[in-house]
C-alpha atoms as a PDB file:
ATOM      1  CA  UNK A   1      83.478  53.883  -8.506  1.00  0.00           C
ATOM      2  CA  UNK A   2      80.115  55.448  -7.621  1.00  0.00           C
ATOM      3  CA  UNK A   3      79.455  58.997  -8.712  1.00  0.00           C
ATOM      4  CA  UNK A   4      78.032  60.713  -5.647  1.00  0.00           C
ATOM      5  CA  UNK A   5      76.664  63.655  -7.622  1.00  0.00           C
ATOM      6  CA  UNK A   6      74.171  61.328  -9.348  1.00  0.00           C
ATOM      7  CA  UNK A   7      72.627  60.079  -6.091  1.00  0.00           C
ATOM      8  CA  UNK A   8      71.154  63.448  -4.971  1.00  0.00           C
ATOM      9  CA  UNK A   9      69.672  63.934  -8.455  1.00  0.00           C
ATOM     10  CA  UNK A  10      68.015  60.527  -8.338  1.00  0.00           C
ATOM     11  CA  UNK A  11      66.571  61.259  -4.899  1.00  0.00           C
ATOM     12  CA  UNK A  12      65.285  64.647  -6.042  1.00  0.00           C
ATOM     13  CA  UNK A  13      63.619  63.111  -9.120  1.00  0.00           C
ATOM     14  CA  UNK A  14      61.900  60.518  -6.951  1.00  0.00           C
ATOM     15  CA  UNK A  15      60.632  63.096  -4.477  1.00  0.00           C
ATOM     16  CA  UNK A  16      59.408  65.344  -7.297  1.00  0.00           C
ATOM     17  CA  UNK A  17      57.233  62.569  -8.665  1.00  0.00           C
ATOM     18  CA  UNK A  18      55.630  62.101  -5.244  1.00  0.00           C
ATOM     19  CA  UNK A  19      54.908  65.820  -4.937  1.00  0.00           C
ATOM     20  CA  UNK A  20      53.297  65.960  -8.370  1.00  0.00           C
ATOM     21  CA  UNK A  21      51.060  63.011  -7.502  1.00  0.00           C
ATOM     22  CA  UNK A  22      49.368  65.044  -4.763  1.00  0.00           C
ATOM     23  CA  UNK A  23      47.379  67.276  -7.124  1.00  0.00           C
ATOM     24  CA  UNK A  24      43.736  66.951  -8.008  1.00  0.00           C
ATOM     25  CA  UNK A  25      42.848  65.442 -11.389  1.00  0.00           C
ATOM     26  CA  UNK A  26      42.001  68.052 -14.012  1.00  0.00           C
ATOM     27  CA  UNK A  27      38.308  68.520 -14.892  1.00  0.00           C
ATOM     28  CA  UNK A  28      36.976  66.702 -11.819  1.00  0.00           C
ATOM     29  CA  UNK A  29      34.924  68.214  -8.984  1.00  0.00           C
ATOM     30  CA  UNK A  30      36.176  67.741  -5.429  1.00  0.00           C
ATOM     31  CA  UNK A  31      34.748  68.330  -1.974  1.00  0.00           C
ATOM     32  CA  UNK A  32      37.054  70.383   0.212  1.00  0.00           C
ATOM     33  CA  UNK A  33      37.457  67.400   2.564  1.00  0.00           C
ATOM     34  CA  UNK A  34      38.602  65.257  -0.364  1.00  0.00           C
ATOM     35  CA  UNK A  35      41.119  67.883  -1.486  1.00  0.00           C
ATOM     36  CA  UNK A  36      42.578  67.960   2.025  1.00  0.00           C
ATOM     37  CA  UNK A  37      43.132  64.189   1.807  1.00  0.00           C
ATOM     38  CA  UNK A  38      44.606  64.438  -1.728  1.00  0.00           C
ATOM     39  CA  UNK A  39      47.278  66.974  -0.866  1.00  0.00           C
ATOM     40  CA  UNK A  40      48.169  70.249   0.793  1.00  0.00           C
ATOM     41  CA  UNK A  41      45.096  72.192  -0.362  1.00  0.00           C
ATOM     42  CA  UNK A  42      44.173  74.151   2.762  1.00  0.00           C
ATOM     43  CA  UNK A  43      45.544  77.486   1.548  1.00  0.00           C
ATOM     44  CA  UNK A  44      44.128  77.068  -1.974  1.00  0.00           C
ATOM     45  CA  UNK A  45      40.697  76.245  -0.529  1.00  0.00           C
ATOM     46  CA  UNK A  46      40.805  79.358   1.651  1.00  0.00           C
ATOM     47  CA  UNK A  47      41.860  81.505  -1.328  1.00  0.00           C
ATOM     48  CA  UNK A  48      39.091  80.087  -3.546  1.00  0.00           C
ATOM     49  CA  UNK A  49      36.473  80.666  -0.837  1.00  0.00           C
ATOM     50  CA  UNK A  50      37.634  84.244  -0.221  1.00  0.00           C
ATOM     51  CA  UNK A  51      37.704  85.022  -3.953  1.00  0.00           C
ATOM     52  CA  UNK A  52      34.069  83.878  -4.173  1.00  0.00           C
ATOM     53  CA  UNK A  53      32.953  85.867  -1.126  1.00  0.00           C
ATOM     54  CA  UNK A  54      32.325  82.718   0.925  1.00  0.00           C
ATOM     55  CA  UNK A  55      32.958  82.201   4.640  1.00  0.00           C
ATOM     56  CA  UNK A  56      36.145  80.332   5.553  1.00  0.00           C
ATOM     57  CA  UNK A  57      34.818  78.330   8.512  1.00  0.00           C
ATOM     58  CA  UNK A  58      35.355  74.572   8.823  1.00  0.00           C
ATOM     59  CA  UNK A  59      32.000  73.688   7.261  1.00  0.00           C
ATOM     60  CA  UNK A  60      32.734  75.728   4.129  1.00  0.00           C
ATOM     61  CA  UNK A  61      36.259  74.345   3.884  1.00  0.00           C
ATOM     62  CA  UNK A  62      35.146  70.714   4.047  1.00  0.00           C
ATOM     63  CA  UNK A  63      31.681  70.808   2.459  1.00  0.00           C
ATOM     64  CA  UNK A  64      32.216  73.100  -0.512  1.00  0.00           C
ATOM     65  CA  UNK A  65      32.575  71.752  -4.015  1.00  0.00           C
ATOM     66  CA  UNK A  66      35.576  72.804  -6.120  1.00  0.00           C
ATOM     67  CA  UNK A  67      36.505  72.288  -9.772  1.00  0.00           C
ATOM     68  CA  UNK A  68      40.048  71.113 -10.487  1.00  0.00           C
ATOM     69  CA  UNK A  69      41.346  73.374 -13.267  1.00  0.00           C
ATOM     70  CA  UNK A  70      44.718  71.577 -13.206  1.00  0.00           C
ATOM     71  CA  UNK A  71      48.071  73.152 -13.855  1.00  0.00           C
ATOM     72  CA  UNK A  72      51.332  72.517 -12.029  1.00  0.00           C
ATOM     73  CA  UNK A  73      49.797  73.249  -8.611  1.00  0.00           C
ATOM     74  CA  UNK A  74      46.418  71.600  -9.164  1.00  0.00           C
ATOM     75  CA  UNK A  75      44.529  74.898  -9.286  1.00  0.00           C
ATOM     76  CA  UNK A  76      40.951  74.832  -8.009  1.00  0.00           C
ATOM     77  CA  UNK A  77      37.859  77.024  -8.403  1.00  0.00           C
ATOM     78  CA  UNK A  78      34.921  77.280  -5.989  1.00  0.00           C
ATOM     79  CA  UNK A  79      31.659  75.897  -7.400  1.00  0.00           C
ATOM     80  CA  UNK A  80      29.170  75.835  -4.510  1.00  0.00           C
ATOM     81  CA  UNK A  81      28.648  75.238  -0.815  1.00  0.00           C
ATOM     82  CA  UNK A  82      26.919  71.904  -0.347  1.00  0.00           C
ATOM     83  CA  UNK A  83      25.336  72.707   2.999  1.00  0.00           C
ATOM     84  CA  UNK A  84      24.652  69.481   4.801  1.00  0.00           C
ATOM     85  CA  UNK A  85      26.783  67.024   2.836  1.00  0.00           C
ATOM     86  CA  UNK A  86      29.456  66.822   0.141  1.00  0.00           C
ATOM     87  CA  UNK A  87      30.004  63.272  -1.107  1.00  0.00           C
ATOM     88  CA  UNK A  88      33.307  61.756  -2.277  1.00  0.00           C
ATOM     89  CA  UNK A  89      32.485  60.150  -5.639  1.00  0.00           C
ATOM     90  CA  UNK A  90      35.528  57.871  -5.509  1.00  0.00           C
ATOM     91  CA  UNK A  91      38.677  57.675  -7.598  1.00  0.00           C
ATOM     92  CA  UNK A  92      38.362  59.253 -11.063  1.00  0.00           C
ATOM     93  CA  UNK A  93      34.747  60.342 -10.416  1.00  0.00           C
ATOM     94  CA  UNK A  94      33.267  63.717  -9.532  1.00  0.00           C
ATOM     95  CA  UNK A  95      32.408  64.503  -5.935  1.00  0.00           C
ATOM     96  CA  UNK A  96      28.942  66.003  -5.517  1.00  0.00           C
ATOM     97  CA  UNK A  97      26.531  67.750  -3.156  1.00  0.00           C
ATOM     98  CA  UNK A  98      23.824  65.694  -1.473  1.00  0.00           C
END
């Protein structure tokens, strides 16, 4: 006989692992555009920009550089606005301003 109470727990554990995978990697720098592809970072980007006194327009959201401090929610800190271009450094490498 199948225990139906075990099935929801297994599903929840699987979904939790997917959610955790959508955080930035600790101690790496990320362009805002990269963070938006990694996970649901829009609100965190806006908060980091506001806390640093930066504008929150599309250019600043996508072309600013952020440091991944880590933690359970993949906390980020604003580093700088790249201006013309913020480059995705690839998996396990820092993004950078160009």
